[in-house]
Amino acid sequence: MSKTAEGKQSTPPGHFLCPISLEIMKDPVTLCTGQTYERANIQRWLSSGNKTCPITMVKLKSCDLIPNHTLRRLIQDYHLTSSSFGLRKNESPAMEVDDQQLNRLVLEMDRDDSMQSCVRTLCSMAEENVNNRCRIADAGAVPVLIRLFQKDQLVDSIPSIKCHKGFDEIAACSAGGNLLQEIICLLSFIPLVDEERRAIADPRPLERLLWFLHKSNLQTRIHAARLLRKIAVVDDIMTLLGQVDGVFSGLVLLIQDESVGKQGLKSTFKALFQICLPHCNRVKAVELGVVSAILETIPIARRKNTERGLAVISLLCSCDEGRQAVLKHPASFSILLQALHVSPRATESSITTLWGAVSFNANAAAEQFVWLHHQADSICTKLLLLLHGDYSHTAKYCAINLLKTLKGSCIRSSISGLDALDPPRQS
């Protein structure tokens, strides 16, 4: 690339520069005059006793600093694009939160005329970075948010999740609909303590959260799934969520949504894994279609989500109903075998699930293998490679038994020395 092209690429646009320092901005904020500055520079200007806009010299009616998120993201995109020209990737740090502004936002959340704008601003701050989320929680925002979420005045009537009325119709009848979405978003980001988790798991707020999980727009449904995972870290809440109608069905609907995206799948799989940890919740999860929904998603999921989804299936296959659900899915063995060697974690989950299903019902497993006769050599090669890889004792034990099952089934593949392989001794 020519030096001219390189120089042109590495020169930032003029509106990315702070008018005070003439340096590229990291945390751009806008005054009431519409002019944008680097936060630290304009704060220094104002703290020095100046009451005017540095560029226009117009007297300021308000000294509020409004974060310019659009410009900040454009600057971040510029840094990412320019990283190949010598600039560091993600050079622009996270937006700094002013303590005075943060405390004011939390205090004003209880006011009817400002609650929505305050919650929205806090939500934008929380989306920026972990440090902001911790500071929002430390400022006492969570109890206020939970109290707002429980307010009957915000939404005159949240219908049952069995209601077929769409979210847009409900929101049109209620000025609080958008605010509740923002609250779910914010609560899904910021840290919670057990007392706050239990407050969200109370019948009234939980019913409302599940309604949004089913009926809201996609982004709010993903935030609801993330919030469910956050409150499910407490043992009694974990057990409760598995027994409440609407939890598993709402998460299954998210998995089946073609627009859910990798972050949505990540939140949903994590929520499912957490809620399925108690053995008593697993049968209900299987009955509501969790196994089938995840299996349909695995072939198109990215590696990390493949690992997460397979981990949920492996967990559910600790019960007979889970193993039966795997056997009932017509493409389950093909999907699980293809997931071998995607990653060590995916391999462990896939192989234990396969052997669990085969050992549960050999005849049903044989029917699955019939459809894979053309892949017999490939399957056996994958299993043999697993035996020589750095996998757990359990995974190798499952692989050996699957090889022997394959040899004795209607799929035959000549594997020299297989008879000499004995299952590893149990430690």
Protein backbone atom coordinates (compact mmCIF):
# COMPACT_ATOMS: atom_id res chain seq x y z
CA MET A 1 0.00 0.00 0.00
CA SER A 2 1.28 3.45 -0.83
CA LYS A 3 2.37 5.95 1.79
CA THR A 4 -0.31 8.31 0.51
CA ALA A 5 -3.03 5.77 1.07
CA GLU A 6 -1.62 4.94 4.48
CA GLY A 7 -1.45 8.55 5.52
CA LYS A 8 -4.96 9.22 4.33
CA GLN A 9 -6.28 6.22 6.24
CA SER A 10 -4.51 7.15 9.52
CA THR A 11 -5.66 10.80 9.57
CA PRO A 12 -8.84 11.06 11.67
CA PRO A 13 -11.81 13.11 10.45
CA GLY A 14 -11.98 16.62 11.89
CA HIS A 15 -15.20 16.01 13.85
CA PHE A 16 -13.44 13.22 15.79
CA LEU A 17 -11.15 15.82 17.36
CA CYS A 18 -11.93 17.75 20.54
CA PRO A 19 -12.06 21.51 19.74
CA ILE A 20 -10.16 22.22 22.96
CA SER A 21 -7.22 19.80 22.74
CA LEU A 22 -7.42 19.03 18.99
CA GLU A 23 -6.88 15.36 19.90
CA ILE A 24 -9.12 12.47 18.94
CA MET A 25 -11.89 12.09 21.50
CA LYS A 26 -12.29 9.06 23.73
CA ASP A 27 -15.46 10.05 25.62
CA PRO A 28 -17.31 12.69 23.55
CA VAL A 29 -20.04 14.66 25.32
CA THR A 30 -22.37 17.34 23.98
CA LEU A 31 -23.34 20.65 25.61
CA CYS A 32 -26.77 22.27 25.37
CA THR A 33 -25.35 24.40 22.52
CA GLY A 34 -24.91 21.27 20.39
CA GLN A 35 -21.10 21.40 20.45
CA THR A 36 -19.21 18.21 21.32
CA TYR A 37 -16.03 17.98 23.41
CA GLU A 38 -13.86 15.42 25.17
CA ARG A 39 -15.43 14.95 28.61
CA ALA A 40 -12.26 15.58 30.62
CA ASN A 41 -11.47 18.77 28.68
CA ILE A 42 -14.91 20.36 28.99
CA GLN A 43 -15.14 19.38 32.67
CA ARG A 44 -11.84 21.23 33.26
CA TRP A 45 -13.23 24.25 31.38
CA LEU A 46 -16.41 24.33 33.47
CA SER A 47 -14.68 23.64 36.79
CA SER A 48 -12.46 26.66 36.12
CA GLY A 49 -15.53 28.87 36.46
CA ASN A 50 -16.38 29.27 32.78
CA LYS A 51 -20.12 29.40 32.03
CA THR A 52 -19.91 29.62 28.25
CA CYS A 53 -19.45 27.23 25.34
CA PRO A 54 -15.73 27.32 24.34
CA ILE A 55 -16.51 27.49 20.59
CA THR A 56 -19.63 29.67 20.38
CA MET A 57 -19.01 31.58 23.65
CA VAL A 58 -22.77 31.42 24.20
CA LYS A 59 -23.76 31.45 27.87
CA LEU A 60 -24.79 27.94 28.95
CA LYS A 61 -28.36 27.47 30.19
CA SER A 62 -27.34 24.06 31.53
CA CYS A 63 -23.99 22.47 32.34
CA ASP A 64 -25.27 18.92 31.74
CA LEU A 65 -22.94 16.79 29.64
CA ILE A 66 -24.83 14.43 27.32
CA PRO A 67 -22.83 11.37 26.13
CA ASN A 68 -22.57 11.34 22.33
CA HIS A 69 -22.83 7.57 21.82
CA THR A 70 -23.18 7.79 18.05
CA LEU A 71 -19.95 9.73 17.63
CA ARG A 72 -18.15 7.54 20.13
CA ARG A 73 -19.07 4.39 18.22
CA LEU A 74 -17.94 6.00 14.97
CA ILE A 75 -14.59 6.77 16.60
CA GLN A 76 -14.31 3.19 17.85
CA ASP A 77 -15.09 1.88 14.36
CA TYR A 78 -12.39 4.20 13.01
CA HIS A 79 -9.86 2.71 15.45
CA LEU A 80 -10.83 -0.83 14.45
CA THR A 81 -10.51 0.01 10.76
CA SER A 82 -7.18 1.76 11.32
CA SER A 83 -5.65 -1.03 13.42
CA SER A 84 -3.93 -2.48 10.36
CA PHE A 85 -2.17 0.88 9.89
CA GLY A 86 -0.34 0.84 13.20
CA LEU A 87 -3.08 1.93 15.62
CA ARG A 88 -4.07 -0.39 18.44
CA LYS A 89 -7.34 -2.25 18.15
CA ASN A 90 -9.99 -0.91 20.54
CA GLU A 91 -7.74 2.06 21.33
CA SER A 92 -10.68 4.14 22.49
CA PRO A 93 -11.39 3.31 26.16
CA ALA A 94 -14.76 2.96 27.74
CA MET A 95 -16.90 5.98 28.49
CA GLU A 96 -16.16 7.47 31.91
CA VAL A 97 -19.14 7.89 34.21
CA ASP A 98 -19.32 11.07 36.23
CA ASP A 99 -20.21 10.21 39.86
CA GLN A 100 -22.29 13.33 40.34
CA GLN A 101 -24.28 12.63 37.18
CA LEU A 102 -24.70 8.96 38.16
CA ASN A 103 -26.09 9.80 41.61
CA ARG A 104 -28.46 12.35 40.09
CA LEU A 105 -29.77 9.80 37.58
CA VAL A 106 -30.46 7.25 40.32
CA LEU A 107 -32.26 9.83 42.46
CA GLU A 108 -34.39 11.08 39.57
CA MET A 109 -35.49 7.59 38.48
CA ASP A 110 -38.40 7.80 40.92
CA ARG A 111 -39.80 10.95 39.27
CA ASP A 112 -42.57 10.32 36.77
CA ASP A 113 -41.32 13.00 34.37
CA SER A 114 -37.72 11.76 34.24
CA MET A 115 -37.70 8.03 35.05
CA GLN A 116 -37.62 6.84 31.44
CA SER A 117 -34.81 9.17 30.33
CA CYS A 118 -32.80 8.29 33.46
CA VAL A 119 -33.19 4.55 32.96
CA ARG A 120 -32.31 4.86 29.28
CA THR A 121 -29.13 6.83 30.06
CA LEU A 122 -28.08 4.32 32.73
CA CYS A 123 -28.74 1.49 30.28
CA SER A 124 -26.43 3.12 27.72
CA MET A 125 -23.75 3.47 30.38
CA ALA A 126 -24.12 -0.16 31.45
CA GLU A 127 -23.77 -1.40 27.88
CA GLU A 128 -20.36 0.30 27.62
CA ASN A 129 -18.29 -1.71 30.11
CA VAL A 130 -18.18 -3.75 33.32
CA ASN A 131 -16.81 -0.90 35.43
CA ASN A 132 -19.85 1.26 34.66
CA ARG A 133 -22.18 -1.61 35.62
CA CYS A 134 -20.51 -2.01 39.00
CA ARG A 135 -20.67 1.72 39.68
CA ILE A 136 -24.37 1.84 38.76
CA ALA A 137 -25.06 -0.97 41.22
CA ASP A 138 -22.94 0.68 43.91
CA ALA A 139 -24.97 3.88 43.46
CA GLY A 140 -28.08 2.01 44.65
CA ALA A 141 -29.84 1.69 41.30
CA VAL A 142 -31.00 -1.93 41.65
CA PRO A 143 -33.60 -1.52 44.46
CA VAL A 144 -35.08 1.47 42.62
CA LEU A 145 -35.26 -0.48 39.35
CA ILE A 146 -36.96 -3.44 41.02
CA ARG A 147 -39.46 -1.14 42.69
CA LEU A 148 -40.23 0.47 39.32
CA PHE A 149 -40.56 -2.94 37.68
CA GLN A 150 -43.17 -3.93 40.25
CA LYS A 151 -45.24 -0.74 39.79
CA ASP A 152 -48.76 -1.45 38.61
CA GLN A 153 -49.09 2.10 37.34
CA LEU A 154 -46.53 1.54 34.58
CA VAL A 155 -48.64 -1.06 32.83
CA ASP A 156 -52.30 -1.19 33.77
CA SER A 157 -52.50 -4.91 33.04
CA ILE A 158 -49.80 -7.31 31.91
CA PRO A 159 -51.77 -10.20 30.41
CA SER A 160 -51.02 -13.83 31.03
CA ILE A 161 -48.26 -15.29 28.85
CA LYS A 162 -51.01 -17.43 27.34
CA CYS A 163 -52.45 -14.27 25.79
CA HIS A 164 -51.94 -14.15 22.02
CA LYS A 165 -51.91 -10.37 21.88
CA GLY A 166 -48.66 -9.03 20.45
CA PHE A 167 -46.26 -6.83 22.39
CA ASP A 168 -46.71 -3.86 20.08
CA GLU A 169 -50.45 -3.87 20.77
CA ILE A 170 -49.86 -3.87 24.52
CA ALA A 171 -47.17 -1.19 24.30
CA ALA A 172 -49.51 1.02 22.33
CA CYS A 173 -51.95 0.87 25.24
CA SER A 174 -49.31 1.54 27.87
CA ALA A 175 -46.78 4.35 28.23
CA GLY A 176 -44.78 2.13 30.59
CA GLY A 177 -44.07 -0.62 28.07
CA ASN A 178 -40.81 0.90 26.81
CA LEU A 179 -39.68 1.74 30.32
CA LEU A 180 -40.13 -1.86 31.43
CA GLN A 181 -37.99 -3.00 28.50
CA GLU A 182 -35.24 -0.59 29.53
CA ILE A 183 -35.42 -1.83 33.13
CA ILE A 184 -35.05 -5.47 32.02
CA CYS A 185 -32.08 -4.46 29.87
CA LEU A 186 -30.39 -2.60 32.73
CA LEU A 187 -31.03 -5.32 35.32
CA SER A 188 -29.60 -7.91 32.92
CA PHE A 189 -26.29 -6.01 32.82
CA ILE A 190 -25.57 -4.80 36.35
CA PRO A 191 -24.42 -6.98 39.30
CA LEU A 192 -27.07 -8.34 41.67
CA VAL A 193 -26.91 -9.65 45.22
CA ASP A 194 -29.00 -12.60 46.41
CA GLU A 195 -31.61 -10.40 48.09
CA GLU A 196 -32.16 -8.56 44.81
CA ARG A 197 -32.32 -11.83 42.86
CA ARG A 198 -35.02 -13.08 45.21
CA ALA A 199 -36.98 -9.83 44.80
CA ILE A 200 -37.01 -10.35 41.01
CA ALA A 201 -38.04 -13.99 41.50
CA ASP A 202 -41.13 -12.97 43.50
CA PRO A 203 -44.38 -13.98 41.74
CA ARG A 204 -45.38 -10.51 40.46
CA PRO A 205 -42.07 -9.38 38.87
CA LEU A 206 -41.30 -12.90 37.65
CA GLU A 207 -44.68 -13.14 35.89
CA ARG A 208 -44.00 -9.80 34.25
CA LEU A 209 -40.47 -10.85 33.22
CA LEU A 210 -41.80 -14.04 31.65
CA TRP A 211 -44.40 -12.09 29.71
CA PHE A 212 -41.61 -10.02 28.14
CA LEU A 213 -39.63 -13.21 27.49
CA HIS A 214 -42.55 -14.48 25.39
CA LYS A 215 -44.19 -11.40 23.91
CA SER A 216 -41.66 -8.58 23.58
CA ASN A 217 -39.29 -7.67 20.76
CA LEU A 218 -36.27 -9.90 20.17
CA GLN A 219 -33.69 -7.76 21.98
CA THR A 220 -35.80 -7.51 25.14
CA ARG A 221 -36.44 -11.26 25.05
CA ILE A 222 -32.68 -11.82 24.97
CA HIS A 223 -32.23 -9.43 27.91
CA ALA A 224 -34.96 -11.34 29.77
CA ALA A 225 -33.10 -14.62 29.17
CA ARG A 226 -29.89 -13.06 30.47
CA LEU A 227 -31.70 -11.80 33.56
CA LEU A 228 -33.15 -15.26 34.21
CA ARG A 229 -29.63 -16.69 34.15
CA LYS A 230 -28.43 -14.03 36.60
CA ILE A 231 -31.11 -14.74 39.18
CA ALA A 232 -30.80 -18.53 38.73
CA VAL A 233 -27.43 -18.68 40.50
CA VAL A 234 -29.26 -19.01 43.84
CA ASP A 235 -30.19 -22.64 44.53
CA ASP A 236 -33.81 -22.12 45.55
CA ILE A 237 -34.46 -19.73 42.64
CA MET A 238 -32.82 -22.21 40.27
CA THR A 239 -35.25 -24.90 41.39
CA LEU A 240 -38.23 -22.52 41.33
CA LEU A 241 -37.61 -21.39 37.75
CA GLY A 242 -37.71 -24.96 36.49
CA GLN A 243 -41.19 -25.42 37.89
CA VAL A 244 -42.73 -22.12 36.77
CA ASP A 245 -44.77 -22.24 33.58
CA GLY A 246 -43.32 -20.14 30.80
CA VAL A 247 -39.60 -20.36 31.60
CA PHE A 248 -38.57 -23.28 29.38
CA SER A 249 -41.15 -22.54 26.69
CA GLY A 250 -39.93 -18.93 26.40
CA LEU A 251 -36.29 -20.01 26.13
CA VAL A 252 -37.16 -22.63 23.50
CA LEU A 253 -38.91 -19.96 21.43
CA LEU A 254 -35.74 -17.88 21.56
CA ILE A 255 -33.61 -20.78 20.34
CA GLN A 256 -36.01 -21.36 17.46
CA ASP A 257 -35.99 -17.71 16.40
CA GLU A 258 -33.85 -17.50 13.26
CA SER A 259 -32.87 -13.91 14.09
CA VAL A 260 -31.64 -14.62 17.61
CA GLY A 261 -27.93 -14.24 16.75
CA LYS A 262 -24.87 -15.56 18.58
CA GLN A 263 -25.28 -13.32 21.65
CA GLY A 264 -28.93 -14.34 21.99
CA LEU A 265 -28.05 -18.03 21.77
CA LYS A 266 -25.27 -17.54 24.28
CA SER A 267 -27.64 -15.97 26.83
CA THR A 268 -30.30 -18.61 26.22
CA PHE A 269 -27.98 -21.61 26.47
CA LYS A 270 -26.41 -20.22 29.64
CA ALA A 271 -29.83 -19.69 31.19
CA LEU A 272 -30.92 -23.21 30.29
CA PHE A 273 -27.77 -24.79 31.69
CA GLN A 274 -28.13 -22.91 34.97
CA ILE A 275 -31.83 -23.72 35.39
CA CYS A 276 -31.31 -27.39 34.47
CA LEU A 277 -28.64 -27.98 37.11
CA PRO A 278 -31.23 -29.28 39.64
CA HIS A 279 -32.14 -32.80 38.55
CA CYS A 280 -35.82 -32.15 39.24
CA ASN A 281 -35.94 -29.54 36.44
CA ARG A 282 -34.51 -31.70 33.67
CA VAL A 283 -37.55 -33.81 32.86
CA LYS A 284 -39.73 -30.74 32.37
CA ALA A 285 -37.08 -29.16 30.14
CA VAL A 286 -37.05 -32.26 27.95
CA GLU A 287 -40.85 -32.43 27.82
CA LEU A 288 -40.99 -28.81 26.59
CA GLY A 289 -38.67 -29.51 23.67
CA VAL A 290 -35.29 -28.19 24.83
CA VAL A 291 -33.29 -31.15 23.43
CA SER A 292 -34.88 -31.03 20.00
CA ALA A 293 -34.59 -27.22 19.76
CA ILE A 294 -30.87 -27.28 20.59
CA LEU A 295 -30.12 -30.15 18.21
CA GLU A 296 -31.70 -28.18 15.37
CA THR A 297 -29.45 -25.21 16.19
CA ILE A 298 -26.09 -27.00 16.60
CA PRO A 299 -25.28 -27.37 12.85
CA ILE A 300 -25.45 -23.59 12.30
CA ALA A 301 -24.11 -22.39 15.67
CA ARG A 302 -20.61 -21.03 16.15
CA ARG A 303 -18.05 -23.01 18.13
CA LYS A 304 -18.69 -21.49 21.56
CA ASN A 305 -22.45 -21.80 21.24
CA THR A 306 -22.04 -25.36 19.95
CA GLU A 307 -20.17 -26.11 23.16
CA ARG A 308 -22.85 -24.44 25.28
CA GLY A 309 -25.73 -26.18 23.53
CA LEU A 310 -24.09 -29.60 23.72
CA ALA A 311 -23.37 -29.04 27.42
CA VAL A 312 -27.11 -28.52 28.03
CA ILE A 313 -28.00 -31.68 26.07
CA SER A 314 -25.36 -33.70 27.94
CA LEU A 315 -26.82 -32.45 31.22
CA LEU A 316 -30.37 -33.40 30.18
CA CYS A 317 -29.19 -36.87 29.09
CA SER A 318 -28.48 -37.70 32.71
CA CYS A 319 -32.17 -38.63 32.84
CA ASP A 320 -33.92 -41.33 30.76
CA GLU A 321 -36.28 -38.76 29.21
CA GLY A 322 -33.30 -36.82 27.85
CA ARG A 323 -31.72 -39.89 26.28
CA GLN A 324 -35.06 -40.86 24.77
CA ALA A 325 -35.42 -37.37 23.28
CA VAL A 326 -32.02 -37.72 21.60
CA LEU A 327 -33.01 -41.07 20.12
CA LYS A 328 -36.33 -39.71 18.86
CA HIS A 329 -34.74 -36.90 16.87
CA PRO A 330 -34.11 -38.31 13.38
CA ALA A 331 -30.81 -36.49 12.82
CA SER A 332 -29.43 -36.49 16.38
CA PHE A 333 -26.60 -38.98 15.80
CA SER A 334 -25.51 -37.24 12.62
CA ILE A 335 -25.46 -33.87 14.42
CA LEU A 336 -23.58 -35.21 17.45
CA LEU A 337 -21.01 -37.05 15.32
CA GLN A 338 -20.37 -33.94 13.25
CA ALA A 339 -19.71 -32.03 16.47
CA LEU A 340 -16.85 -34.39 17.38
CA HIS A 341 -13.54 -32.55 17.22
CA VAL A 342 -15.21 -29.13 16.86
CA SER A 343 -13.42 -28.48 20.13
CA PRO A 344 -12.35 -30.60 23.12
CA ARG A 345 -15.34 -29.43 25.13
CA ALA A 346 -17.80 -30.16 22.30
CA THR A 347 -16.24 -33.58 21.81
CA GLU A 348 -16.62 -34.51 25.47
CA SER A 349 -20.30 -33.54 25.50
CA SER A 350 -21.07 -35.21 22.15
CA ILE A 351 -19.41 -38.54 22.91
CA THR A 352 -20.98 -38.92 26.37
CA THR A 353 -24.41 -38.03 24.94
CA LEU A 354 -24.02 -40.55 22.10
CA TRP A 355 -22.99 -43.37 24.38
CA GLY A 356 -25.70 -42.48 26.88
CA ALA A 357 -28.33 -42.81 24.15
CA VAL A 358 -26.86 -46.03 22.73
CA SER A 359 -26.59 -47.72 26.12
CA PHE A 360 -30.14 -46.64 26.98
CA ASN A 361 -31.76 -48.26 23.94
CA ALA A 362 -29.47 -50.20 21.59
CA ASN A 363 -32.27 -51.07 19.15
CA ALA A 364 -33.33 -47.45 18.68
CA ALA A 365 -29.67 -46.48 18.31
CA ALA A 366 -29.20 -49.13 15.60
CA GLU A 367 -31.99 -47.47 13.59
CA GLN A 368 -30.11 -44.18 13.83
CA PHE A 369 -26.91 -45.84 12.60
CA VAL A 370 -28.70 -47.33 9.58
CA TRP A 371 -29.04 -43.85 8.13
CA LEU A 372 -25.32 -43.26 8.57
CA HIS A 373 -24.00 -46.36 6.78
CA HIS A 374 -22.35 -44.22 4.10
CA GLN A 375 -20.35 -42.43 6.81
CA ALA A 376 -19.17 -45.56 8.62
CA ASP A 377 -15.47 -45.16 7.86
CA SER A 378 -15.52 -41.47 8.75
CA ILE A 379 -17.31 -42.15 12.03
CA CYS A 380 -14.86 -44.85 13.07
CA THR A 381 -11.90 -42.64 12.15
CA LYS A 382 -13.25 -39.86 14.36
CA LEU A 383 -13.72 -42.25 17.27
CA LEU A 384 -10.23 -43.71 16.87
CA LEU A 385 -8.73 -40.23 16.78
CA LEU A 386 -10.55 -39.46 20.00
CA LEU A 387 -8.85 -42.45 21.65
CA HIS A 388 -5.44 -40.99 20.83
CA GLY A 389 -6.35 -37.42 21.79
CA ASP A 390 -6.06 -35.58 25.07
CA TYR A 391 -9.55 -36.40 26.30
CA SER A 392 -10.97 -37.59 29.61
CA HIS A 393 -11.11 -41.21 30.72
CA THR A 394 -14.90 -41.10 30.41
CA ALA A 395 -14.80 -39.81 26.82
CA LYS A 396 -12.38 -42.57 25.76
CA TYR A 397 -14.48 -45.20 27.50
CA CYS A 398 -17.54 -44.01 25.56
CA ALA A 399 -15.59 -44.01 22.29
CA ILE A 400 -14.39 -47.58 22.70
CA ASN A 401 -17.87 -48.84 23.47
CA LEU A 402 -19.30 -46.95 20.49
CA LEU A 403 -16.68 -48.55 18.23
CA LYS A 404 -17.64 -51.99 19.45
CA THR A 405 -21.30 -51.15 18.98
CA LEU A 406 -20.62 -50.05 15.41
CA LYS A 407 -18.71 -53.23 14.67
CA GLY A 408 -21.57 -55.35 15.89
CA SER A 409 -24.30 -53.31 14.17
CA CYS A 410 -25.52 -53.32 10.60
CA ILE A 411 -22.80 -50.77 9.82
CA ARG A 412 -19.60 -52.74 9.43
CA SER A 413 -16.16 -51.26 9.04
CA SER A 414 -12.93 -53.21 9.10
CA ILE A 415 -11.00 -51.89 12.06
CA SER A 416 -7.88 -53.92 12.67
CA GLY A 417 -7.04 -54.59 16.27
CA LEU A 418 -10.41 -53.48 17.63
CA ASP A 419 -10.91 -56.74 19.47
CA ALA A 420 -7.74 -56.07 21.40
CA LEU A 421 -9.15 -52.85 22.77
CA ASP A 422 -10.60 -53.24 26.24
CA PRO A 423 -12.46 -50.52 28.10
CA PRO A 424 -10.08 -48.63 30.37
CA ARG A 425 -10.23 -49.73 33.97
CA GLN A 426 -12.44 -47.61 36.19
CA SER A 427 -10.32 -45.62 38.60
